[in-house]
Amino acid sequence: MTHLLVHPVETARPKSLENRPVRAARTRRAGVKALSAVIRYDGIVIIAGTGSLGLRAIIFNDGPLANLTVPGAVLTWLTLVGALYVIDAAAKGLIDWINPDRWDGDTAYALAEEVGLIHDDLDSGADPEEIQHSLRTSGLLETTGALTRRLAVAFAEQGEEDQAQRLYASALHLRKADTVLGHGQAGNEPADDAREDLQ
């Protein structure tokens, strides 16, 4: 079976992002954060700037908005709204282009598709003992558990304790499933001094 990377929005990974140096990932992540801030706050900046100019026009009868007519005010408002949409669209496009993490989960989609094909193989008469043996010896649950625990650590480092606790609990369930299956241990149980009891 061939593993094909499938992005959830069905877009191909741009060639411009392939084989870029790992050292550039941190810079691109910083760019994503900056552009996300632009999207989050550009409306506030435009409203604050326009409000300041309007207040100046009212109090001092000065500035670019001082002699604005009603049609001019409407046109100015539409221009500002249009500029806001253009800025947001441009920032989102740049985020999609430079984001080094956008395609990180593609392998998971491909893996889920392949597991689904194995499920279909059972329906068409595949030997269940062979599939069980492969599931047990491949370390699929163990690897998934380890990934889940690493995700929990990442969320904990970001201060998102609720999400981290859910992922730690999931890692424990995967460990138990892997133990029942007979392979070993999926992921690592949280350290006693770092995690509360998840039971």
Protein backbone atom coordinates (compact mmCIF):
# COMPACT_ATOMS: atom_id res chain seq x y z
CA MET A 1 0.00 0.00 0.00
CA THR A 2 1.23 3.47 -0.88
CA HIS A 3 1.28 6.22 1.74
CA LEU A 4 -0.03 9.45 0.28
CA LEU A 5 -0.07 12.66 2.29
CA VAL A 6 -3.59 14.02 2.37
CA HIS A 7 -4.15 17.51 3.70
CA PRO A 8 -7.62 18.04 5.23
CA VAL A 9 -8.40 20.93 2.89
CA GLU A 10 -7.20 18.90 -0.08
CA THR A 11 -4.38 21.22 -1.04
CA ALA A 12 -0.99 20.11 -2.24
CA ARG A 13 2.12 20.95 -0.25
CA PRO A 14 3.81 23.79 -2.14
CA LYS A 15 7.17 22.89 -3.65
CA SER A 16 8.50 26.15 -2.24
CA LEU A 17 8.12 24.74 1.28
CA GLU A 18 9.74 21.38 0.65
CA ASN A 19 13.28 20.68 1.84
CA ARG A 20 13.65 24.02 3.56
CA PRO A 21 16.27 24.08 6.33
CA VAL A 22 14.96 23.19 9.77
CA ARG A 23 16.66 26.29 11.19
CA ALA A 24 14.26 28.45 9.20
CA ALA A 25 11.22 26.96 10.95
CA ARG A 26 11.61 29.16 14.02
CA THR A 27 11.78 32.30 11.89
CA ARG A 28 8.69 31.26 9.93
CA ARG A 29 6.80 30.50 13.16
CA ALA A 30 7.65 34.01 14.37
CA GLY A 31 6.29 35.36 11.10
CA VAL A 32 3.08 33.38 11.57
CA LYS A 33 2.67 34.86 15.07
CA ALA A 34 3.24 38.38 13.77
CA LEU A 35 0.75 37.96 10.93
CA SER A 36 -1.78 36.40 13.31
CA ALA A 37 -1.43 39.50 15.48
CA VAL A 38 -2.08 41.67 12.41
CA ILE A 39 -5.31 39.75 11.72
CA ARG A 40 -6.33 39.96 15.37
CA TYR A 41 -5.66 43.66 15.91
CA ASP A 42 -5.84 45.44 12.54
CA GLY A 43 -9.54 46.19 12.98
CA ILE A 44 -8.89 47.74 16.39
CA VAL A 45 -6.04 49.85 14.98
CA ILE A 46 -8.17 51.10 12.07
CA ILE A 47 -11.12 51.93 14.35
CA ALA A 48 -8.85 53.67 16.88
CA GLY A 49 -7.09 55.67 14.16
CA THR A 50 -10.32 56.70 12.48
CA GLY A 51 -11.84 57.61 15.84
CA SER A 52 -8.85 59.78 16.70
CA LEU A 53 -9.04 61.59 13.37
CA GLY A 54 -12.80 62.04 13.78
CA LEU A 55 -12.40 63.41 17.29
CA ARG A 56 -9.72 65.82 16.07
CA ALA A 57 -12.02 66.95 13.27
CA ILE A 58 -14.87 67.60 15.73
CA ILE A 59 -12.81 69.39 18.37
CA PHE A 60 -10.29 71.32 16.27
CA ASN A 61 -12.03 71.28 12.89
CA ASP A 62 -8.72 70.04 11.50
CA GLY A 63 -7.34 66.97 9.80
CA PRO A 64 -8.38 64.82 6.82
CA LEU A 65 -11.89 64.24 8.20
CA ALA A 66 -12.67 67.87 9.02
CA ASN A 67 -14.53 68.77 5.82
CA LEU A 68 -15.99 65.35 5.12
CA THR A 69 -19.44 65.27 3.53
CA VAL A 70 -21.92 62.42 4.06
CA PRO A 71 -21.09 60.73 0.72
CA GLY A 72 -17.39 61.20 1.52
CA ALA A 73 -17.89 59.64 4.96
CA VAL A 74 -19.65 56.64 3.42
CA LEU A 75 -16.90 56.26 0.83
CA THR A 76 -14.21 56.53 3.52
CA TRP A 77 -15.97 53.90 5.65
CA LEU A 78 -16.27 51.50 2.71
CA THR A 79 -12.61 52.06 1.86
CA LEU A 80 -11.55 51.26 5.42
CA VAL A 81 -13.68 48.12 5.52
CA GLY A 82 -12.31 47.03 2.15
CA ALA A 83 -8.75 47.67 3.33
CA LEU A 84 -9.43 45.58 6.44
CA TYR A 85 -10.59 42.63 4.33
CA VAL A 86 -7.63 42.95 1.96
CA ILE A 87 -5.15 43.07 4.85
CA ASP A 88 -6.75 40.03 6.52
CA ALA A 89 -6.82 38.04 3.28
CA ALA A 90 -3.20 38.89 2.49
CA ALA A 91 -2.07 37.98 6.02
CA LYS A 92 -3.95 34.65 5.93
CA GLY A 93 -2.43 33.84 2.55
CA LEU A 94 1.05 34.57 3.84
CA ILE A 95 0.41 32.46 6.94
CA ASP A 96 -0.64 29.51 4.77
CA TRP A 97 2.47 29.94 2.64
CA ILE A 98 5.11 30.32 5.37
CA ASN A 99 3.59 28.22 8.18
CA PRO A 100 6.07 25.35 8.76
CA ASP A 101 3.50 23.37 10.77
CA ARG A 102 0.58 23.41 8.36
CA TRP A 103 1.27 19.95 6.94
CA ASP A 104 2.64 18.31 10.10
CA GLY A 105 -0.41 16.11 10.57
CA ASP A 106 -0.66 14.83 7.00
CA THR A 107 0.90 11.48 7.88
CA ALA A 108 -1.89 10.91 10.39
CA TYR A 109 -4.49 11.29 7.63
CA ALA A 110 -2.61 8.83 5.43
CA LEU A 111 -2.26 6.39 8.33
CA ALA A 112 -5.97 6.58 9.14
CA GLU A 113 -6.76 5.87 5.50
CA GLU A 114 -4.47 2.84 5.48
CA VAL A 115 -5.96 1.48 8.71
CA GLY A 116 -9.39 1.91 7.15
CA LEU A 117 -8.24 -0.20 4.20
CA ILE A 118 -7.17 -2.94 6.63
CA HIS A 119 -10.63 -2.77 8.15
CA ASP A 120 -12.06 -3.30 4.68
CA ASP A 121 -9.66 -6.23 4.17
CA LEU A 122 -11.28 -7.97 7.13
CA ASP A 123 -14.68 -7.57 5.50
CA SER A 124 -13.31 -9.19 2.35
CA GLY A 125 -11.97 -12.25 4.15
CA ALA A 126 -8.49 -11.37 5.40
CA ASP A 127 -7.00 -13.57 8.12
CA PRO A 128 -7.78 -11.84 11.45
CA GLU A 129 -4.85 -13.55 13.20
CA GLU A 130 -2.41 -12.06 10.69
CA ILE A 131 -3.85 -8.59 11.16
CA GLN A 132 -3.82 -8.95 14.94
CA HIS A 133 -0.21 -10.11 14.80
CA SER A 134 0.73 -7.10 12.67
CA LEU A 135 -1.11 -4.73 14.99
CA ARG A 136 0.64 -6.25 18.00
CA THR A 137 4.16 -6.33 16.59
CA SER A 138 4.11 -3.08 14.60
CA GLY A 139 4.07 -0.94 17.75
CA LEU A 140 1.27 1.20 16.32
CA LEU A 141 -0.43 1.74 19.67
CA GLU A 142 2.89 2.25 21.44
CA THR A 143 3.99 4.88 18.94
CA THR A 144 0.59 6.60 19.02
CA GLY A 145 0.73 6.65 22.80
CA ALA A 146 4.21 8.17 22.79
CA LEU A 147 3.07 10.84 20.32
CA THR A 148 0.00 11.58 22.45
CA ARG A 149 2.14 12.00 25.53
CA ARG A 150 4.54 14.32 23.67
CA LEU A 151 1.55 16.40 22.58
CA ALA A 152 0.47 16.59 26.22
CA VAL A 153 3.92 17.87 27.18
CA ALA A 154 3.76 20.48 24.39
CA PHE A 155 0.36 21.74 25.55
CA ALA A 156 1.54 21.78 29.18
CA GLU A 157 4.53 23.91 28.15
CA GLN A 158 2.09 26.37 26.58
CA GLY A 159 0.09 26.52 29.82
CA GLU A 160 -2.94 24.66 28.44
CA GLU A 161 -3.29 22.28 31.36
CA ASP A 162 -6.83 21.06 30.57
CA GLN A 163 -5.81 19.90 27.10
CA ALA A 164 -2.60 18.41 28.48
CA GLN A 165 -4.55 16.41 31.10
CA ARG A 166 -6.90 15.02 28.43
CA LEU A 167 -3.95 13.96 26.29
CA TYR A 168 -2.18 12.35 29.24
CA ALA A 169 -5.36 10.41 30.00
CA SER A 170 -5.54 9.31 26.35
CA ALA A 171 -1.91 8.17 26.51
CA LEU A 172 -2.76 6.03 29.54
CA HIS A 173 -5.67 4.43 27.69
CA LEU A 174 -3.41 3.69 24.72
CA ARG A 175 -0.85 2.14 27.06
CA LYS A 176 -3.52 -0.08 28.55
CA ALA A 177 -4.80 -1.06 25.09
CA ASP A 178 -1.28 -1.92 23.96
CA THR A 179 -0.73 -3.99 27.11
CA VAL A 180 -3.97 -5.91 26.56
CA LEU A 181 -3.02 -6.50 22.95
CA GLY A 182 0.16 -8.09 24.23
CA HIS A 183 2.89 -5.86 22.85
CA GLY A 184 3.97 -3.74 25.77
CA GLN A 185 3.41 -0.14 26.72
CA ALA A 186 2.10 2.73 24.62
CA GLY A 187 3.63 6.01 25.67
CA ASN A 188 4.98 6.77 29.09
CA GLU A 189 2.98 7.34 32.22
CA PRO A 190 3.30 10.92 33.48
CA ALA A 191 5.92 11.46 36.13
CA ASP A 192 4.52 11.51 39.67
CA ASP A 193 6.05 14.88 40.43
CA ALA A 194 4.75 16.48 37.23
CA ARG A 195 1.19 15.10 36.90
CA GLU A 196 -1.68 14.49 39.24
CA ASP A 197 -3.38 11.12 39.27
CA LEU A 198 -5.48 10.85 36.10
CA GLN A 199 -7.67 8.01 37.31
